[in-house]
Protein backbone atom coordinates (compact mmCIF):
# COMPACT_ATOMS: atom_id res chain seq x y z
CA MET A 1 66.25 -26.15 -174.24
CA LYS A 2 62.74 -26.56 -172.82
CA LEU A 3 61.84 -23.01 -173.85
CA SER A 4 62.86 -23.60 -177.48
CA LEU A 5 60.92 -26.88 -177.52
CA ILE A 6 57.81 -25.13 -176.20
CA CYS A 7 58.20 -22.31 -178.73
CA GLY A 8 58.60 -24.85 -181.53
CA LEU A 9 55.45 -26.71 -180.50
CA LEU A 10 53.54 -23.46 -180.23
CA LEU A 11 54.69 -22.39 -183.69
CA ALA A 12 53.77 -25.76 -185.21
CA THR A 13 50.33 -25.69 -183.59
CA SER A 14 49.56 -22.18 -184.80
CA ALA A 15 50.77 -23.02 -188.31
CA ALA A 16 48.52 -26.08 -188.41
CA ALA A 17 45.55 -24.01 -187.27
CA ALA A 18 46.22 -21.42 -189.96
CA MET A 19 46.41 -24.12 -192.63
CA ALA A 20 43.12 -25.62 -191.44
CA GLN A 21 41.22 -22.48 -192.39
CA THR A 22 40.05 -22.82 -195.97
CA PRO A 23 38.51 -20.13 -198.13
CA PRO A 24 34.74 -20.30 -198.59
CA THR A 25 33.34 -22.31 -201.45
CA ALA A 26 31.16 -20.67 -204.10
CA SER A 27 27.98 -21.94 -202.44
CA GLU A 28 29.11 -20.64 -199.04
CA ALA A 29 29.87 -17.25 -200.58
CA LYS A 30 26.39 -17.15 -202.17
CA LYS A 31 24.81 -17.97 -198.80
CA ASP A 32 26.78 -15.13 -197.22
CA VAL A 33 25.60 -12.67 -199.89
CA HIS A 34 22.02 -13.90 -199.46
CA SER A 35 22.18 -13.45 -195.69
CA GLN A 36 23.56 -9.92 -196.14
CA LYS A 37 20.58 -9.06 -198.35
CA GLN A 38 18.21 -10.30 -195.65
CA ASP A 39 19.97 -8.44 -192.84
CA PRO A 40 18.06 -5.20 -192.22
CA LEU A 41 21.20 -3.58 -190.80
CA SER A 42 23.27 -4.34 -193.88
CA ILE A 43 23.01 -1.45 -196.32
CA GLN A 44 23.81 -2.32 -199.91
CA ASN A 45 23.68 1.21 -201.21
CA SER A 46 24.61 4.17 -199.11
CA ALA A 47 23.76 6.60 -201.91
CA PRO A 48 20.40 7.26 -203.54
CA GLU A 49 19.63 5.32 -206.69
CA ASP A 50 18.81 7.06 -209.97
CA TRP A 51 15.03 7.61 -210.09
CA ASN A 52 14.74 5.82 -213.44
CA MET A 53 16.39 2.71 -211.98
CA ILE A 54 13.85 2.24 -209.18
CA LYS A 55 11.20 -0.41 -209.75
CA GLY A 56 7.78 1.20 -210.17
CA HIS A 57 9.06 4.68 -211.08
CA ASP A 58 7.14 4.51 -214.37
CA LYS A 59 3.89 4.96 -212.40
CA GLY A 60 5.13 8.38 -211.30
CA TYR A 61 5.62 7.20 -207.72
CA VAL A 62 7.11 4.29 -205.81
CA THR A 63 5.76 2.47 -202.79
CA LYS A 64 7.71 0.98 -199.90
CA GLN A 65 7.22 -2.43 -201.54
CA ASP A 66 8.82 -1.15 -204.75
CA ALA A 67 11.97 -0.16 -202.90
CA LEU A 68 14.53 -2.95 -202.85
CA PRO A 69 15.32 -4.30 -199.39
CA ASN A 70 18.33 -2.59 -197.85
CA SER A 71 18.40 0.08 -200.56
CA TRP A 72 18.82 3.77 -199.84
CA LEU A 73 15.15 4.39 -200.61
CA ALA A 74 13.92 1.60 -198.34
CA THR A 75 16.01 3.02 -195.52
CA ASN A 76 14.86 6.61 -196.13
CA PHE A 77 11.30 5.98 -197.34
CA VAL A 78 9.56 7.55 -194.35
CA ASN A 79 11.72 10.66 -194.60
CA CYS A 80 11.15 10.96 -198.36
CA ASP A 81 7.37 10.49 -198.20
CA ALA A 82 6.72 14.14 -197.30
CA ASP A 83 2.92 13.99 -197.53
CA ARG A 84 2.73 10.58 -195.77
CA ASP A 85 0.54 9.00 -198.44
CA GLY A 86 2.61 5.81 -198.69
CA LYS A 87 4.04 6.89 -202.04
CA VAL A 88 7.22 8.75 -202.97
CA THR A 89 6.89 10.84 -206.11
CA GLN A 90 9.81 11.88 -208.24
CA ALA A 91 9.64 15.41 -206.80
CA GLU A 92 9.66 14.07 -203.21
CA TYR A 93 12.53 11.76 -204.08
CA GLN A 94 14.65 14.52 -205.59
CA LYS A 95 13.99 16.80 -202.63
CA CYS A 96 14.93 14.02 -200.25
CA GLN A 97 18.13 13.34 -202.20
CA LYS A 98 19.14 16.98 -201.93
CA LYS A 99 18.60 16.95 -198.16
CA GLN A 100 20.91 13.93 -197.88
CA GLN A 101 23.66 15.67 -199.84
CA GLU A 102 23.62 18.76 -197.59
């Protein structure tokens, strides 16, 4: 009798705790997305972007500042900048992409 009463109380308590958890509101979800963008360890893209989609590509090169935070290019910028001039040209970018695919 005591065991069933204890089990019943335990079940009721765990059910109440489960019901107390509510899904995030829209503003909480936006905050979570914003914090993920700011987290340097959170990678949004694990694959290289298309060259024509990268901000600044129309100059013929992109700088570290042009690369979106947490993007593939931002993560791999140092490796892609073969001549270490602070700029990644389209040729350097394509070569770097190929290395990643190997």
